[in-house]
Amino acid sequence: NGVYYVPSGSGYSVVPPPIGAVVTYLPAGFVTVPVGDATYYYYGGAFYISQGGSFRVVPAPAGAIVTKIPEGATEQVINGVNYLLYNNTYYQPISQNGQDAYEVVQVQ
């Protein structure tokens, strides 16, 4: 269901899915995100691509626009520009059709 765990102490901790992980189905509530000629699937801060009957977790593609990012994103100000950082991905807050959204950007 889009939740990934790692052993932690005597239990487990929730973590973002690792790049390269493959699942047989997408979690309920995923959204389709077109970027250029490619189609990505997004859920809970992770991007997936279709791969012959399964789905592989891939790095966030620059230019992808999503309407939600998971809790735990931290604010970063770089060269006077505000970003949100989640799982090593920078999101720039934008307005799309009058709605709040977030665009994946490369920050140098």
PDB file of N, CA and C in Angstrom:
ATOM      1  N   ASN A   1       0.813  -1.217   0.000  1.00  0.00           N
ATOM      2  CA  ASN A   1       0.000   0.000   0.000  1.00  0.00           C
ATOM      3  C   ASN A   1       0.847   1.268   0.000  1.00  0.00           C
ATOM      4  N   GLY A   2       2.038   1.199  -0.561  1.00  0.00           N
ATOM      5  CA  GLY A   2       2.869   2.385  -0.683  1.00  0.00           C
ATOM      6  C   GLY A   2       3.643   2.757   0.551  1.00  0.00           C
ATOM      7  N   VAL A   3       3.682   1.866   1.545  1.00  0.00           N
ATOM      8  CA  VAL A   3       4.428   2.133   2.770  1.00  0.00           C
ATOM      9  C   VAL A   3       5.596   1.154   2.835  1.00  0.00           C
ATOM     10  N   TYR A   4       6.768   1.680   3.123  1.00  0.00           N
ATOM     11  CA  TYR A   4       7.977   0.872   3.176  1.00  0.00           C
ATOM     12  C   TYR A   4       8.576   0.974   4.570  1.00  0.00           C
ATOM     13  N   TYR A   5       9.152  -0.123   5.050  1.00  0.00           N
ATOM     14  CA  TYR A   5       9.684  -0.182   6.406  1.00  0.00           C
ATOM     15  C   TYR A   5      11.120  -0.690   6.407  1.00  0.00           C
ATOM     16  N   VAL A   6      11.871  -0.277   7.429  1.00  0.00           N
ATOM     17  CA  VAL A   6      13.183  -0.844   7.698  1.00  0.00           C
ATOM     18  C   VAL A   6      13.222  -1.214   9.179  1.00  0.00           C
ATOM     19  N   PRO A   7      14.003  -2.257   9.521  1.00  0.00           N
ATOM     20  CA  PRO A   7      14.134  -2.603  10.942  1.00  0.00           C
ATOM     21  C   PRO A   7      14.696  -1.422  11.727  1.00  0.00           C
ATOM     22  N   SER A   8      14.158  -1.222  12.908  1.00  0.00           N
ATOM     23  CA  SER A   8      14.600  -0.122  13.757  1.00  0.00           C
ATOM     24  C   SER A   8      14.406  -0.527  15.210  1.00  0.00           C
ATOM     25  N   GLY A   9      15.504  -0.753  15.914  1.00  0.00           N
ATOM     26  CA  GLY A   9      15.402  -1.181  17.301  1.00  0.00           C
ATOM     27  C   GLY A   9      14.667  -2.506  17.378  1.00  0.00           C
ATOM     28  N   SER A  10      13.602  -2.536  18.180  1.00  0.00           N
ATOM     29  CA  SER A  10      12.828  -3.773  18.320  1.00  0.00           C
ATOM     30  C   SER A  10      11.608  -3.789  17.397  1.00  0.00           C
ATOM     31  N   GLY A  11      11.537  -2.811  16.484  1.00  0.00           N
ATOM     32  CA  GLY A  11      10.390  -2.742  15.570  1.00  0.00           C
ATOM     33  C   GLY A  11      10.814  -2.304  14.191  1.00  0.00           C
ATOM     34  N   TYR A  12      10.004  -1.468  13.591  1.00  0.00           N
ATOM     35  CA  TYR A  12      10.260  -0.987  12.239  1.00  0.00           C
ATOM     36  C   TYR A  12       9.961   0.501  12.151  1.00  0.00           C
ATOM     37  N   SER A  13      10.619   1.178  11.210  1.00  0.00           N
ATOM     38  CA  SER A  13      10.360   2.589  10.933  1.00  0.00           C
ATOM     39  C   SER A  13       9.921   2.730   9.485  1.00  0.00           C
ATOM     40  N   VAL A  14       9.008   3.669   9.236  1.00  0.00           N
ATOM     41  CA  VAL A  14       8.554   3.962   7.876  1.00  0.00           C
ATOM     42  C   VAL A  14       9.614   4.795   7.184  1.00  0.00           C
ATOM     43  N   VAL A  15       9.934   4.427   5.934  1.00  0.00           N
ATOM     44  CA  VAL A  15      10.924   5.144   5.140  1.00  0.00           C
ATOM     45  C   VAL A  15      10.397   5.334   3.723  1.00  0.00           C
ATOM     46  N   PRO A  16      10.973   6.281   2.976  1.00  0.00           N
ATOM     47  CA  PRO A  16      10.614   6.389   1.562  1.00  0.00           C
ATOM     48  C   PRO A  16      11.060   5.126   0.832  1.00  0.00           C
ATOM     49  N   PRO A  17      10.380   4.763  -0.250  1.00  0.00           N
ATOM     50  CA  PRO A  17      10.790   3.561  -0.984  1.00  0.00           C
ATOM     51  C   PRO A  17      12.152   3.753  -1.640  1.00  0.00           C
ATOM     52  N   PRO A  18      12.957   2.706  -1.669  1.00  0.00           N
ATOM     53  CA  PRO A  18      14.279   2.830  -2.288  1.00  0.00           C
ATOM     54  C   PRO A  18      14.183   2.878  -3.808  1.00  0.00           C
ATOM     55  N   ILE A  19      15.013   3.701  -4.422  1.00  0.00           N
ATOM     56  CA  ILE A  19      15.098   3.763  -5.884  1.00  0.00           C
ATOM     57  C   ILE A  19      15.434   2.357  -6.385  1.00  0.00           C
ATOM     58  N   GLY A  20      14.702   1.919  -7.394  1.00  0.00           N
ATOM     59  CA  GLY A  20      14.930   0.601  -7.958  1.00  0.00           C
ATOM     60  C   GLY A  20      13.990  -0.465  -7.435  1.00  0.00           C
ATOM     61  N   ALA A  21      13.280  -0.191  -6.324  1.00  0.00           N
ATOM     62  CA  ALA A  21      12.326  -1.174  -5.804  1.00  0.00           C
ATOM     63  C   ALA A  21      11.249  -1.421  -6.862  1.00  0.00           C
ATOM     64  N   VAL A  22      10.802  -2.659  -6.969  1.00  0.00           N
ATOM     65  CA  VAL A  22       9.781  -3.022  -7.949  1.00  0.00           C
ATOM     66  C   VAL A  22       8.576  -3.592  -7.214  1.00  0.00           C
ATOM     67  N   VAL A  23       7.384  -3.103  -7.592  1.00  0.00           N
ATOM     68  CA  VAL A  23       6.135  -3.602  -7.017  1.00  0.00           C
ATOM     69  C   VAL A  23       5.222  -4.056  -8.144  1.00  0.00           C
ATOM     70  N   THR A  24       4.282  -4.935  -7.824  1.00  0.00           N
ATOM     71  CA  THR A  24       3.393  -5.476  -8.858  1.00  0.00           C
ATOM     72  C   THR A  24       2.157  -4.612  -9.077  1.00  0.00           C
ATOM     73  N   TYR A  25       1.852  -3.735  -8.127  1.00  0.00           N
ATOM     74  CA  TYR A  25       0.724  -2.826  -8.294  1.00  0.00           C
ATOM     75  C   TYR A  25       1.005  -1.518  -7.572  1.00  0.00           C
ATOM     76  N   LEU A  26       0.326  -0.478  -8.024  1.00  0.00           N
ATOM     77  CA  LEU A  26       0.490   0.837  -7.405  1.00  0.00           C
ATOM     78  C   LEU A  26      -0.471   0.992  -6.242  1.00  0.00           C
ATOM     79  N   PRO A  27      -0.101   1.774  -5.229  1.00  0.00           N
ATOM     80  CA  PRO A  27      -0.993   1.987  -4.094  1.00  0.00           C
ATOM     81  C   PRO A  27      -2.247   2.751  -4.513  1.00  0.00           C
ATOM     82  N   ALA A  28      -3.353   2.465  -3.850  1.00  0.00           N
ATOM     83  CA  ALA A  28      -4.590   3.206  -4.104  1.00  0.00           C
ATOM     84  C   ALA A  28      -4.340   4.680  -3.840  1.00  0.00           C
ATOM     85  N   GLY A  29      -4.812   5.537  -4.741  1.00  0.00           N
ATOM     86  CA  GLY A  29      -4.640   6.973  -4.576  1.00  0.00           C
ATOM     87  C   GLY A  29      -3.473   7.545  -5.365  1.00  0.00           C
ATOM     88  N   PHE A  30      -2.770   6.717  -6.147  1.00  0.00           N
ATOM     89  CA  PHE A  30      -1.670   7.237  -6.954  1.00  0.00           C
ATOM     90  C   PHE A  30      -2.225   8.214  -7.997  1.00  0.00           C
ATOM     91  N   VAL A  31      -1.361   9.095  -8.500  1.00  0.00           N
ATOM     92  CA  VAL A  31      -1.748  10.009  -9.576  1.00  0.00           C
ATOM     93  C   VAL A  31      -0.781   9.838 -10.740  1.00  0.00           C
ATOM     94  N   THR A  32      -1.274  10.094 -11.923  1.00  0.00           N
ATOM     95  CA  THR A  32      -0.454  10.043 -13.136  1.00  0.00           C
ATOM     96  C   THR A  32       0.170  11.409 -13.345  1.00  0.00           C
ATOM     97  N   VAL A  33       1.480  11.435 -13.619  1.00  0.00           N
ATOM     98  CA  VAL A  33       2.208  12.686 -13.783  1.00  0.00           C
ATOM     99  C   VAL A  33       2.966  12.638 -15.117  1.00  0.00           C
ATOM    100  N   PRO A  34       2.491  13.395 -16.117  1.00  0.00           N
ATOM    101  CA  PRO A  34       3.230  13.436 -17.379  1.00  0.00           C
ATOM    102  C   PRO A  34       4.427  14.395 -17.264  1.00  0.00           C
ATOM    103  N   VAL A  35       5.567  13.966 -17.810  1.00  0.00           N
ATOM    104  CA  VAL A  35       6.753  14.819 -17.861  1.00  0.00           C
ATOM    105  C   VAL A  35       7.362  14.600 -19.243  1.00  0.00           C
ATOM    106  N   GLY A  36       7.262  15.610 -20.101  1.00  0.00           N
ATOM    107  CA  GLY A  36       7.719  15.444 -21.478  1.00  0.00           C
ATOM    108  C   GLY A  36       6.905  14.348 -22.144  1.00  0.00           C
ATOM    109  N   ASP A  37       7.576  13.387 -22.759  1.00  0.00           N
ATOM    110  CA  ASP A  37       6.910  12.271 -23.413  1.00  0.00           C
ATOM    111  C   ASP A  37       6.701  11.078 -22.484  1.00  0.00           C
ATOM    112  N   ALA A  38       7.174  11.177 -21.244  1.00  0.00           N
ATOM    113  CA  ALA A  38       7.100  10.053 -20.300  1.00  0.00           C
ATOM    114  C   ALA A  38       5.901  10.193 -19.365  1.00  0.00           C
ATOM    115  N   THR A  39       5.435   9.060 -18.882  1.00  0.00           N
ATOM    116  CA  THR A  39       4.366   9.034 -17.885  1.00  0.00           C
ATOM    117  C   THR A  39       4.911   8.408 -16.614  1.00  0.00           C
ATOM    118  N   TYR A  40       4.770   9.137 -15.518  1.00  0.00           N
ATOM    119  CA  TYR A  40       5.181   8.658 -14.205  1.00  0.00           C
ATOM    120  C   TYR A  40       3.934   8.493 -13.353  1.00  0.00           C
ATOM    121  N   TYR A  41       4.071   7.708 -12.312  1.00  0.00           N
ATOM    122  CA  TYR A  41       3.004   7.524 -11.336  1.00  0.00           C
ATOM    123  C   TYR A  41       3.575   7.977 -10.003  1.00  0.00           C
ATOM    124  N   TYR A  42       2.762   8.711  -9.237  1.00  0.00           N
ATOM    125  CA  TYR A  42       3.255   9.333  -8.012  1.00  0.00           C
ATOM    126  C   TYR A  42       2.362   8.957  -6.846  1.00  0.00           C
ATOM    127  N   TYR A  43       3.006   8.600  -5.749  1.00  0.00           N
ATOM    128  CA  TYR A  43       2.273   8.340  -4.518  1.00  0.00           C
ATOM    129  C   TYR A  43       3.222   8.516  -3.342  1.00  0.00           C
ATOM    130  N   GLY A  44       2.803   9.287  -2.360  1.00  0.00           N
ATOM    131  CA  GLY A  44       3.551   9.418  -1.115  1.00  0.00           C
ATOM    132  C   GLY A  44       4.997   9.850  -1.262  1.00  0.00           C
ATOM    133  N   GLY A  45       5.264  10.704  -2.228  1.00  0.00           N
ATOM    134  CA  GLY A  45       6.621  11.205  -2.403  1.00  0.00           C
ATOM    135  C   GLY A  45       7.490  10.338  -3.297  1.00  0.00           C
ATOM    136  N   ALA A  46       6.920   9.252  -3.839  1.00  0.00           N
ATOM    137  CA  ALA A  46       7.691   8.353  -4.708  1.00  0.00           C
ATOM    138  C   ALA A  46       7.159   8.408  -6.133  1.00  0.00           C
ATOM    139  N   PHE A  47       8.081   8.329  -7.069  1.00  0.00           N
ATOM    140  CA  PHE A  47       7.725   8.272  -8.485  1.00  0.00           C
ATOM    141  C   PHE A  47       8.007   6.862  -8.997  1.00  0.00           C
ATOM    142  N   TYR A  48       7.074   6.364  -9.800  1.00  0.00           N
ATOM    143  CA  TYR A  48       7.175   5.016 -10.371  1.00  0.00           C
ATOM    144  C   TYR A  48       7.044   5.112 -11.884  1.00  0.00           C
ATOM    145  N   ILE A  49       7.641   4.139 -12.588  1.00  0.00           N
ATOM    146  CA  ILE A  49       7.395   3.990 -14.018  1.00  0.00           C
ATOM    147  C   ILE A  49       6.890   2.563 -14.253  1.00  0.00           C
ATOM    148  N   SER A  50       6.082   2.420 -15.303  1.00  0.00           N
ATOM    149  CA  SER A  50       5.580   1.113 -15.673  1.00  0.00           C
ATOM    150  C   SER A  50       6.704   0.325 -16.332  1.00  0.00           C
ATOM    151  N   GLN A  51       6.786  -0.939 -15.968  1.00  0.00           N
ATOM    152  CA  GLN A  51       7.878  -1.765 -16.462  1.00  0.00           C
ATOM    153  C   GLN A  51       7.349  -3.182 -16.697  1.00  0.00           C
ATOM    154  N   GLY A  52       6.706  -3.398 -17.851  1.00  0.00           N
ATOM    155  CA  GLY A  52       6.253  -4.733 -18.223  1.00  0.00           C
ATOM    156  C   GLY A  52       5.432  -5.460 -17.186  1.00  0.00           C
ATOM    157  N   GLY A  53       4.337  -4.873 -16.751  1.00  0.00           N
ATOM    158  CA  GLY A  53       3.464  -5.533 -15.784  1.00  0.00           C
ATOM    159  C   GLY A  53       3.793  -5.241 -14.330  1.00  0.00           C
ATOM    160  N   SER A  54       4.840  -4.479 -14.074  1.00  0.00           N
ATOM    161  CA  SER A  54       5.176  -4.068 -12.714  1.00  0.00           C
ATOM    162  C   SER A  54       5.549  -2.588 -12.743  1.00  0.00           C
ATOM    163  N   PHE A  55       5.922  -2.077 -11.590  1.00  0.00           N
ATOM    164  CA  PHE A  55       6.250  -0.661 -11.473  1.00  0.00           C
ATOM    165  C   PHE A  55       7.541  -0.525 -10.672  1.00  0.00           C
ATOM    166  N   ARG A  56       8.443   0.309 -11.177  1.00  0.00           N
ATOM    167  CA  ARG A  56       9.752   0.500 -10.546  1.00  0.00           C
ATOM    168  C   ARG A  56       9.845   1.909  -9.988  1.00  0.00           C
ATOM    169  N   VAL A  57      10.380   2.029  -8.769  1.00  0.00           N
ATOM    170  CA  VAL A  57      10.627   3.327  -8.149  1.00  0.00           C
ATOM    171  C   VAL A  57      11.832   3.959  -8.836  1.00  0.00           C
ATOM    172  N   VAL A  58      11.660   5.221  -9.265  1.00  0.00           N
ATOM    173  CA  VAL A  58      12.717   5.941  -9.973  1.00  0.00           C
ATOM    174  C   VAL A  58      12.968   7.284  -9.300  1.00  0.00           C
ATOM    175  N   PRO A  59      14.112   7.907  -9.586  1.00  0.00           N
ATOM    176  CA  PRO A  59      14.348   9.255  -9.050  1.00  0.00           C
ATOM    177  C   PRO A  59      13.272  10.230  -9.547  1.00  0.00           C
ATOM    178  N   ALA A  60      12.968  11.217  -8.740  1.00  0.00           N
ATOM    179  CA  ALA A  60      11.974  12.223  -9.128  1.00  0.00           C
ATOM    180  C   ALA A  60      12.432  12.948 -10.381  1.00  0.00           C
ATOM    181  N   PRO A  61      11.578  12.992 -11.403  1.00  0.00           N
ATOM    182  CA  PRO A  61      11.980  13.657 -12.649  1.00  0.00           C
ATOM    183  C   PRO A  61      11.815  15.172 -12.558  1.00  0.00           C
ATOM    184  N   ALA A  62      12.843  15.913 -12.929  1.00  0.00           N
ATOM    185  CA  ALA A  62      12.754  17.377 -12.942  1.00  0.00           C
ATOM    186  C   ALA A  62      11.601  17.783 -13.856  1.00  0.00           C
ATOM    187  N   GLY A  63      10.813  18.740 -13.395  1.00  0.00           N
ATOM    188  CA  GLY A  63       9.675  19.221 -14.166  1.00  0.00           C
ATOM    189  C   GLY A  63       8.364  18.591 -13.770  1.00  0.00           C
ATOM    190  N   ALA A  64       8.405  17.502 -12.980  1.00  0.00           N
ATOM    191  CA  ALA A  64       7.158  16.878 -12.518  1.00  0.00           C
ATOM    192  C   ALA A  64       6.433  17.837 -11.591  1.00  0.00           C
ATOM    193  N   ILE A  65       5.116  17.920 -11.736  1.00  0.00           N
ATOM    194  CA  ILE A  65       4.308  18.787 -10.874  1.00  0.00           C
ATOM    195  C   ILE A  65       3.308  17.924 -10.126  1.00  0.00           C
ATOM    196  N   VAL A  66       3.317  18.051  -8.797  1.00  0.00           N
ATOM    197  CA  VAL A  66       2.409  17.302  -7.938  1.00  0.00           C
ATOM    198  C   VAL A  66       1.671  18.273  -7.025  1.00  0.00           C
ATOM    199  N   THR A  67       0.541  17.818  -6.494  1.00  0.00           N
ATOM    200  CA  THR A  67      -0.241  18.694  -5.629  1.00  0.00           C
ATOM    201  C   THR A  67      -0.032  18.417  -4.144  1.00  0.00           C
ATOM    202  N   LYS A  68       0.636  17.292  -3.832  1.00  0.00           N
ATOM    203  CA  LYS A  68       0.895  16.955  -2.429  1.00  0.00           C
ATOM    204  C   LYS A  68       2.311  16.410  -2.297  1.00  0.00           C
ATOM    205  N   ILE A  69       2.942  16.774  -1.191  1.00  0.00           N
ATOM    206  CA  ILE A  69       4.188  16.125  -0.818  1.00  0.00           C
ATOM    207  C   ILE A  69       4.000  15.632   0.616  1.00  0.00           C
ATOM    208  N   PRO A  70       4.688  14.570   0.984  1.00  0.00           N
ATOM    209  CA  PRO A  70       4.466  13.990   2.311  1.00  0.00           C
ATOM    210  C   PRO A  70       4.862  14.915   3.452  1.00  0.00           C
ATOM    211  N   GLU A  71       4.260  14.644   4.604  1.00  0.00           N
ATOM    212  CA  GLU A  71       4.683  15.346   5.819  1.00  0.00           C
ATOM    213  C   GLU A  71       6.145  15.022   6.065  1.00  0.00           C
ATOM    214  N   GLY A  72       6.837  15.944   6.642  1.00  0.00           N
ATOM    215  CA  GLY A  72       8.248  15.734   6.924  1.00  0.00           C
ATOM    216  C   GLY A  72       9.160  16.483   5.973  1.00  0.00           C
ATOM    217  N   ALA A  73       8.585  17.100   4.930  1.00  0.00           N
ATOM    218  CA  ALA A  73       9.399  17.923   4.039  1.00  0.00           C
ATOM    219  C   ALA A  73       9.892  19.131   4.839  1.00  0.00           C
ATOM    220  N   THR A  74      11.127  19.530   4.584  1.00  0.00           N
ATOM    221  CA  THR A  74      11.687  20.669   5.301  1.00  0.00           C
ATOM    222  C   THR A  74      11.872  21.845   4.360  1.00  0.00           C
ATOM    223  N   GLU A  75      11.661  23.040   4.894  1.00  0.00           N
ATOM    224  CA  GLU A  75      11.844  24.250   4.092  1.00  0.00           C
ATOM    225  C   GLU A  75      13.333  24.547   3.953  1.00  0.00           C
ATOM    226  N   GLN A  76      13.715  24.930   2.750  1.00  0.00           N
ATOM    227  CA  GLN A  76      15.091  25.311   2.466  1.00  0.00           C
ATOM    228  C   GLN A  76      15.049  26.611   1.671  1.00  0.00           C
ATOM    229  N   VAL A  77      15.915  27.549   2.024  1.00  0.00           N
ATOM    230  CA  VAL A  77      16.051  28.773   1.239  1.00  0.00           C
ATOM    231  C   VAL A  77      17.431  28.744   0.609  1.00  0.00           C
ATOM    232  N   ILE A  78      17.461  28.734  -0.734  1.00  0.00           N
ATOM    233  CA  ILE A  78      18.727  28.676  -1.458  1.00  0.00           C
ATOM    234  C   ILE A  78      18.749  29.831  -2.443  1.00  0.00           C
ATOM    235  N   ASN A  79      19.739  30.687  -2.305  1.00  0.00           N
ATOM    236  CA  ASN A  79      19.858  31.884  -3.151  1.00  0.00           C
ATOM    237  C   ASN A  79      18.567  32.706  -3.144  1.00  0.00           C
ATOM    238  N   GLY A  80      17.943  32.789  -1.985  1.00  0.00           N
ATOM    239  CA  GLY A  80      16.739  33.591  -1.831  1.00  0.00           C
ATOM    240  C   GLY A  80      15.463  32.945  -2.353  1.00  0.00           C
ATOM    241  N   VAL A  81      15.530  31.688  -2.790  1.00  0.00           N
ATOM    242  CA  VAL A  81      14.352  30.991  -3.310  1.00  0.00           C
ATOM    243  C   VAL A  81      13.928  29.926  -2.311  1.00  0.00           C
ATOM    244  N   ASN A  82      12.613  29.855  -2.018  1.00  0.00           N
ATOM    245  CA  ASN A  82      12.086  28.862  -1.084  1.00  0.00           C
ATOM    246  C   ASN A  82      11.817  27.542  -1.795  1.00  0.00           C
ATOM    247  N   TYR A  83      12.273  26.455  -1.174  1.00  0.00           N
ATOM    248  CA  TYR A  83      12.034  25.109  -1.674  1.00  0.00           C
ATOM    249  C   TYR A  83      11.564  24.247  -0.510  1.00  0.00           C
ATOM    250  N   LEU A  84      10.983  23.121  -0.831  1.00  0.00           N
ATOM    251  CA  LEU A  84      10.709  22.085   0.152  1.00  0.00           C
ATOM    252  C   LEU A  84      11.567  20.891  -0.225  1.00  0.00           C
ATOM    253  N   LEU A  85      12.213  20.296   0.760  1.00  0.00           N
ATOM    254  CA  LEU A  85      13.092  19.156   0.525  1.00  0.00           C
ATOM    255  C   LEU A  85      12.483  17.926   1.168  1.00  0.00           C
ATOM    256  N   TYR A  86      12.286  16.884   0.347  1.00  0.00           N
ATOM    257  CA  TYR A  86      11.787  15.614   0.859  1.00  0.00           C
ATOM    258  C   TYR A  86      12.515  14.483   0.141  1.00  0.00           C
ATOM    259  N   ASN A  87      13.133  13.601   0.899  1.00  0.00           N
ATOM    260  CA  ASN A  87      13.816  12.430   0.357  1.00  0.00           C
ATOM    261  C   ASN A  87      14.807  12.814  -0.753  1.00  0.00           C
ATOM    262  N   ASN A  88      15.625  13.808  -0.482  1.00  0.00           N
ATOM    263  CA  ASN A  88      16.659  14.281  -1.411  1.00  0.00           C
ATOM    264  C   ASN A  88      16.105  14.873  -2.701  1.00  0.00           C
ATOM    265  N   THR A  89      14.849  15.271  -2.703  1.00  0.00           N
ATOM    266  CA  THR A  89      14.231  15.906  -3.861  1.00  0.00           C
ATOM    267  C   THR A  89      13.765  17.304  -3.466  1.00  0.00           C
ATOM    268  N   TYR A  90      14.101  18.287  -4.306  1.00  0.00           N
ATOM    269  CA  TYR A  90      13.669  19.659  -4.070  1.00  0.00           C
ATOM    270  C   TYR A  90      12.389  19.937  -4.843  1.00  0.00           C
ATOM    271  N   TYR A  91      11.419  20.521  -4.143  1.00  0.00           N
ATOM    272  CA  TYR A  91      10.147  20.920  -4.738  1.00  0.00           C
ATOM    273  C   TYR A  91      10.011  22.430  -4.602  1.00  0.00           C
ATOM    274  N   GLN A  92       9.670  23.091  -5.685  1.00  0.00           N
ATOM    275  CA  GLN A  92       9.443  24.528  -5.632  1.00  0.00           C
ATOM    276  C   GLN A  92       7.935  24.764  -5.616  1.00  0.00           C
ATOM    277  N   PRO A  93       7.431  25.448  -4.582  1.00  0.00           N
ATOM    278  CA  PRO A  93       6.001  25.748  -4.548  1.00  0.00           C
ATOM    279  C   PRO A  93       5.618  26.634  -5.737  1.00  0.00           C
ATOM    280  N   ILE A  94       4.525  26.275  -6.399  1.00  0.00           N
ATOM    281  CA  ILE A  94       4.012  27.039  -7.532  1.00  0.00           C
ATOM    282  C   ILE A  94       2.497  27.098  -7.431  1.00  0.00           C
ATOM    283  N   SER A  95       1.893  27.900  -8.285  1.00  0.00           N
ATOM    284  CA  SER A  95       0.442  27.926  -8.418  1.00  0.00           C
ATOM    285  C   SER A  95       0.103  27.384  -9.803  1.00  0.00           C
ATOM    286  N   GLN A  96      -0.799  26.401  -9.842  1.00  0.00           N
ATOM    287  CA  GLN A  96      -1.207  25.807 -11.110  1.00  0.00           C
ATOM    288  C   GLN A  96      -2.732  25.839 -11.164  1.00  0.00           C
ATOM    289  N   ASN A  97      -3.255  26.596 -12.127  1.00  0.00           N
ATOM    290  CA  ASN A  97      -4.706  26.756 -12.256  1.00  0.00           C
ATOM    291  C   ASN A  97      -5.335  27.238 -10.949  1.00  0.00           C
ATOM    292  N   GLY A  98      -4.646  28.132 -10.259  1.00  0.00           N
ATOM    293  CA  GLY A  98      -5.159  28.698  -9.018  1.00  0.00           C
ATOM    294  C   GLY A  98      -5.021  27.798  -7.810  1.00  0.00           C
ATOM    295  N   GLN A  99      -4.375  26.645  -7.966  1.00  0.00           N
ATOM    296  CA  GLN A  99      -4.186  25.692  -6.866  1.00  0.00           C
ATOM    297  C   GLN A  99      -2.709  25.640  -6.469  1.00  0.00           C
ATOM    298  N   ASP A 100      -2.451  25.358  -5.211  1.00  0.00           N
ATOM    299  CA  ASP A 100      -1.069  25.153  -4.767  1.00  0.00           C
ATOM    300  C   ASP A 100      -0.544  23.858  -5.367  1.00  0.00           C
ATOM    301  N   ALA A 101       0.677  23.878  -5.844  1.00  0.00           N
ATOM    302  CA  ALA A 101       1.322  22.702  -6.408  1.00  0.00           C
ATOM    303  C   ALA A 101       2.817  22.812  -6.139  1.00  0.00           C
ATOM    304  N   TYR A 102       3.533  21.747  -6.494  1.00  0.00           N
ATOM    305  CA  TYR A 102       4.970  21.684  -6.238  1.00  0.00           C
ATOM    306  C   TYR A 102       5.663  21.088  -7.455  1.00  0.00           C
ATOM    307  N   GLU A 103       6.688  21.789  -7.953  1.00  0.00           N
ATOM    308  CA  GLU A 103       7.422  21.315  -9.109  1.00  0.00           C
ATOM    309  C   GLU A 103       8.789  20.778  -8.675  1.00  0.00           C
ATOM    310  N   VAL A 104       9.119  19.581  -9.166  1.00  0.00           N
ATOM    311  CA  VAL A 104      10.435  18.998  -8.898  1.00  0.00           C
ATOM    312  C   VAL A 104      11.471  19.807  -9.660  1.00  0.00           C
ATOM    313  N   VAL A 105      12.486  20.286  -8.940  1.00  0.00           N
ATOM    314  CA  VAL A 105      13.534  21.099  -9.561  1.00  0.00           C
ATOM    315  C   VAL A 105      14.899  20.574  -9.168  1.00  0.00           C
ATOM    316  N   GLN A 106      15.878  20.857 -10.002  1.00  0.00           N
ATOM    317  CA  GLN A 106      17.273  20.565  -9.681  1.00  0.00           C
ATOM    318  C   GLN A 106      17.855  21.815  -9.021  1.00  0.00           C
ATOM    319  N   VAL A 107      18.476  21.643  -7.881  1.00  0.00           N
ATOM    320  CA  VAL A 107      19.085  22.762  -7.185  1.00  0.00           C
ATOM    321  C   VAL A 107      20.579  22.518  -7.116  1.00  0.00           C
ATOM    322  N   GLN A 108      21.344  23.513  -7.561  1.00  0.00           N
ATOM    323  CA  GLN A 108      22.794  23.371  -7.597  1.00  0.00           C
ATOM    324  C   GLN A 108      23.404  24.120  -6.432  1.00  0.00           C
TER     325      GLN A 108
END
